[in-house]
Amino acid sequence: MKKLLRRDYIADVQRKLAVAGVTSRKGTPYSDKMISHVFNGRYQNPRIEKAILDVYLERKKAAEKDLKYKNKVLGIGTED
């Protein structure tokens, strides 16, 4: 999961949480640090965990699409 998300996943998670209207108890957006702690298992927060998983699945789908396109262009794995 870490390999696919790399370091730039936090901004995407924050955007996803903002769109969903998810904030901390104080009513502020979750910090980079809090999202990182949830990702690394230090804290548990189902809403942040779901946002992280959603970002992961989106990136996985995009990576698979890119790989299919690359293979098509290179003629790898096609049985035409």
N, C-alpha and C. Protein backbone atom coordinates (compact mmCIF):
# COMPACT_ATOMS: atom_id res chain seq x y z
N MET A 1 0.83 -1.19 0.00
CA MET A 1 0.00 0.00 0.00
C MET A 1 0.88 1.26 0.00
N LYS A 2 1.94 1.24 0.81
CA LYS A 2 2.82 2.41 0.88
C LYS A 2 3.50 2.67 -0.45
N LYS A 3 3.83 1.61 -1.18
CA LYS A 3 4.52 1.76 -2.46
C LYS A 3 3.64 2.51 -3.47
N LEU A 4 2.37 2.19 -3.49
CA LEU A 4 1.46 2.83 -4.44
C LEU A 4 1.10 4.25 -4.02
N LEU A 5 0.93 4.47 -2.73
CA LEU A 5 0.53 5.80 -2.26
C LEU A 5 1.69 6.79 -2.25
N ARG A 6 2.88 6.29 -2.00
CA ARG A 6 4.08 7.14 -1.91
C ARG A 6 3.88 8.23 -0.86
N ARG A 7 4.57 9.34 -1.02
CA ARG A 7 4.52 10.40 -0.02
C ARG A 7 3.42 11.42 -0.24
N ASP A 8 2.88 11.49 -1.44
CA ASP A 8 1.94 12.54 -1.77
C ASP A 8 0.47 12.18 -1.58
N TYR A 9 0.20 11.15 -0.81
CA TYR A 9 -1.18 10.72 -0.62
C TYR A 9 -1.96 11.61 0.33
N ILE A 10 -1.29 12.29 1.24
CA ILE A 10 -1.96 13.05 2.30
C ILE A 10 -2.83 14.16 1.73
N ALA A 11 -2.34 14.89 0.74
CA ALA A 11 -3.13 15.97 0.14
C ALA A 11 -4.42 15.43 -0.49
N ASP A 12 -4.33 14.28 -1.14
CA ASP A 12 -5.52 13.67 -1.73
C ASP A 12 -6.50 13.23 -0.65
N VAL A 13 -5.99 12.68 0.43
CA VAL A 13 -6.86 12.27 1.55
C VAL A 13 -7.54 13.50 2.15
N GLN A 14 -6.78 14.58 2.34
CA GLN A 14 -7.37 15.80 2.88
C GLN A 14 -8.47 16.35 1.98
N ARG A 15 -8.25 16.31 0.66
CA ARG A 15 -9.28 16.77 -0.28
C ARG A 15 -10.53 15.91 -0.17
N LYS A 16 -10.34 14.61 -0.09
CA LYS A 16 -11.47 13.70 0.00
C LYS A 16 -12.26 13.93 1.30
N LEU A 17 -11.55 14.16 2.40
CA LEU A 17 -12.22 14.45 3.67
C LEU A 17 -12.96 15.78 3.60
N ALA A 18 -12.36 16.78 2.95
CA ALA A 18 -13.00 18.10 2.85
C ALA A 18 -14.29 18.01 2.03
N VAL A 19 -14.24 17.27 0.94
CA VAL A 19 -15.44 17.10 0.10
C VAL A 19 -16.55 16.42 0.89
N ALA A 20 -16.17 15.47 1.73
CA ALA A 20 -17.15 14.74 2.54
C ALA A 20 -17.58 15.53 3.77
N GLY A 21 -16.92 16.66 4.03
CA GLY A 21 -17.26 17.47 5.19
C GLY A 21 -16.76 16.90 6.50
N VAL A 22 -15.74 16.09 6.45
CA VAL A 22 -15.19 15.46 7.65
C VAL A 22 -14.13 16.37 8.26
N THR A 23 -14.32 16.70 9.54
CA THR A 23 -13.36 17.55 10.24
C THR A 23 -13.06 16.96 11.62
N SER A 24 -12.08 17.55 12.28
CA SER A 24 -11.73 17.13 13.63
C SER A 24 -12.80 17.61 14.61
N ARG A 25 -12.64 17.26 15.86
CA ARG A 25 -13.58 17.71 16.89
C ARG A 25 -13.65 19.23 16.97
N LYS A 26 -12.54 19.87 16.64
CA LYS A 26 -12.48 21.33 16.69
C LYS A 26 -13.12 21.98 15.47
N GLY A 27 -13.49 21.18 14.50
CA GLY A 27 -14.09 21.71 13.29
C GLY A 27 -13.08 22.12 12.23
N THR A 28 -11.83 21.73 12.44
CA THR A 28 -10.78 22.05 11.47
C THR A 28 -10.42 20.80 10.66
N PRO A 29 -9.85 20.99 9.49
CA PRO A 29 -9.43 19.83 8.70
C PRO A 29 -8.35 19.04 9.44
N TYR A 30 -8.32 17.74 9.21
CA TYR A 30 -7.30 16.90 9.85
C TYR A 30 -5.92 17.28 9.31
N SER A 31 -4.95 17.28 10.19
CA SER A 31 -3.58 17.66 9.82
C SER A 31 -2.87 16.53 9.09
N ASP A 32 -1.78 16.90 8.41
CA ASP A 32 -0.93 15.91 7.75
C ASP A 32 -0.47 14.86 8.76
N LYS A 33 -0.10 15.34 9.92
CA LYS A 33 0.43 14.47 10.97
C LYS A 33 -0.61 13.44 11.42
N MET A 34 -1.84 13.89 11.62
CA MET A 34 -2.90 12.97 12.07
C MET A 34 -3.17 11.91 11.01
N ILE A 35 -3.24 12.32 9.75
CA ILE A 35 -3.48 11.36 8.67
C ILE A 35 -2.34 10.35 8.59
N SER A 36 -1.13 10.84 8.74
CA SER A 36 0.04 9.96 8.72
C SER A 36 0.00 8.97 9.88
N HIS A 37 -0.37 9.45 11.06
CA HIS A 37 -0.46 8.56 12.23
C HIS A 37 -1.51 7.48 12.03
N VAL A 38 -2.65 7.84 11.44
CA VAL A 38 -3.69 6.85 11.18
C VAL A 38 -3.19 5.83 10.17
N PHE A 39 -2.52 6.31 9.12
CA PHE A 39 -2.00 5.41 8.09
C PHE A 39 -0.99 4.42 8.68
N ASN A 40 -0.16 4.89 9.59
CA ASN A 40 0.87 4.04 10.19
C ASN A 40 0.38 3.22 11.37
N GLY A 41 -0.90 3.37 11.73
CA GLY A 41 -1.50 2.55 12.76
C GLY A 41 -1.35 3.06 14.18
N ARG A 42 -0.83 4.26 14.34
CA ARG A 42 -0.67 4.81 15.68
C ARG A 42 -2.02 5.19 16.29
N TYR A 43 -2.90 5.75 15.45
CA TYR A 43 -4.25 6.11 15.88
C TYR A 43 -5.25 5.41 14.98
N GLN A 44 -6.47 5.30 15.47
CA GLN A 44 -7.55 4.74 14.67
C GLN A 44 -8.61 5.81 14.45
N ASN A 45 -9.05 5.94 13.22
CA ASN A 45 -10.12 6.86 12.88
C ASN A 45 -10.77 6.30 11.62
N PRO A 46 -11.95 5.71 11.75
CA PRO A 46 -12.59 5.05 10.61
C PRO A 46 -12.81 5.97 9.41
N ARG A 47 -13.10 7.24 9.64
CA ARG A 47 -13.35 8.16 8.52
C ARG A 47 -12.06 8.43 7.74
N ILE A 48 -10.97 8.60 8.45
CA ILE A 48 -9.68 8.82 7.79
C ILE A 48 -9.23 7.54 7.11
N GLU A 49 -9.41 6.40 7.77
CA GLU A 49 -9.03 5.12 7.19
C GLU A 49 -9.78 4.87 5.88
N LYS A 50 -11.07 5.21 5.86
CA LYS A 50 -11.86 5.04 4.63
C LYS A 50 -11.34 5.95 3.53
N ALA A 51 -11.01 7.18 3.86
CA ALA A 51 -10.48 8.12 2.86
C ALA A 51 -9.15 7.63 2.31
N ILE A 52 -8.30 7.10 3.17
CA ILE A 52 -7.01 6.55 2.72
C ILE A 52 -7.25 5.38 1.78
N LEU A 53 -8.15 4.50 2.15
CA LEU A 53 -8.46 3.34 1.31
C LEU A 53 -9.04 3.78 -0.03
N ASP A 54 -9.91 4.78 -0.03
CA ASP A 54 -10.48 5.29 -1.28
C ASP A 54 -9.39 5.83 -2.20
N VAL A 55 -8.46 6.60 -1.64
CA VAL A 55 -7.35 7.14 -2.43
C VAL A 55 -6.50 5.99 -2.98
N TYR A 56 -6.23 5.01 -2.14
CA TYR A 56 -5.45 3.85 -2.58
C TYR A 56 -6.13 3.14 -3.75
N LEU A 57 -7.43 2.89 -3.63
CA LEU A 57 -8.15 2.18 -4.69
C LEU A 57 -8.20 2.98 -5.98
N GLU A 58 -8.35 4.30 -5.87
CA GLU A 58 -8.33 5.16 -7.06
C GLU A 58 -6.98 5.08 -7.76
N ARG A 59 -5.93 5.15 -6.98
CA ARG A 59 -4.58 5.10 -7.57
C ARG A 59 -4.27 3.73 -8.15
N LYS A 60 -4.76 2.68 -7.49
CA LYS A 60 -4.54 1.33 -7.99
C LYS A 60 -5.24 1.15 -9.33
N LYS A 61 -6.46 1.65 -9.42
CA LYS A 61 -7.22 1.55 -10.67
C LYS A 61 -6.51 2.33 -11.78
N ALA A 62 -6.02 3.53 -11.47
CA ALA A 62 -5.30 4.34 -12.46
C ALA A 62 -4.01 3.65 -12.90
N ALA A 63 -3.31 3.02 -11.96
CA ALA A 63 -2.06 2.33 -12.28
C ALA A 63 -2.33 1.13 -13.19
N GLU A 64 -3.42 0.41 -12.92
CA GLU A 64 -3.77 -0.73 -13.75
C GLU A 64 -4.15 -0.28 -15.16
N LYS A 65 -4.86 0.83 -15.24
CA LYS A 65 -5.24 1.39 -16.55
C LYS A 65 -3.99 1.80 -17.33
N ASP A 66 -3.06 2.46 -16.64
CA ASP A 66 -1.81 2.86 -17.29
C ASP A 66 -1.02 1.66 -17.77
N LEU A 67 -0.97 0.61 -16.96
CA LEU A 67 -0.24 -0.60 -17.33
C LEU A 67 -0.87 -1.26 -18.56
N LYS A 68 -2.20 -1.32 -18.60
CA LYS A 68 -2.89 -1.90 -19.75
C LYS A 68 -2.57 -1.10 -21.01
N TYR A 69 -2.60 0.22 -20.90
CA TYR A 69 -2.30 1.08 -22.05
C TYR A 69 -0.85 0.87 -22.51
N LYS A 70 0.05 0.84 -21.54
CA LYS A 70 1.47 0.63 -21.85
C LYS A 70 1.66 -0.71 -22.57
N ASN A 71 1.05 -1.75 -22.04
CA ASN A 71 1.16 -3.08 -22.65
C ASN A 71 0.56 -3.10 -24.06
N LYS A 72 -0.54 -2.38 -24.23
CA LYS A 72 -1.17 -2.31 -25.54
C LYS A 72 -0.26 -1.62 -26.55
N VAL A 73 0.34 -0.51 -26.14
CA VAL A 73 1.24 0.23 -27.01
C VAL A 73 2.47 -0.60 -27.37
N LEU A 74 2.99 -1.32 -26.39
CA LEU A 74 4.17 -2.13 -26.61
C LEU A 74 3.88 -3.50 -27.21
N GLY A 75 2.59 -3.86 -27.28
CA GLY A 75 2.21 -5.14 -27.84
C GLY A 75 2.50 -6.31 -26.92
N ILE A 76 2.48 -6.05 -25.64
CA ILE A 76 2.77 -7.10 -24.64
C ILE A 76 1.45 -7.66 -24.12
N GLY A 77 1.36 -8.98 -24.09
CA GLY A 77 0.21 -9.62 -23.46
C GLY A 77 -1.07 -9.55 -24.26
N THR A 78 -1.02 -9.14 -25.52
CA THR A 78 -2.24 -9.12 -26.32
C THR A 78 -2.30 -10.39 -27.14
N GLU A 79 -3.49 -10.91 -27.25
CA GLU A 79 -3.68 -12.17 -28.00
C GLU A 79 -4.61 -11.92 -29.17
N ASP A 80 -4.25 -10.98 -30.04
CA ASP A 80 -5.07 -10.66 -31.21
C ASP A 80 -4.64 -11.45 -32.41
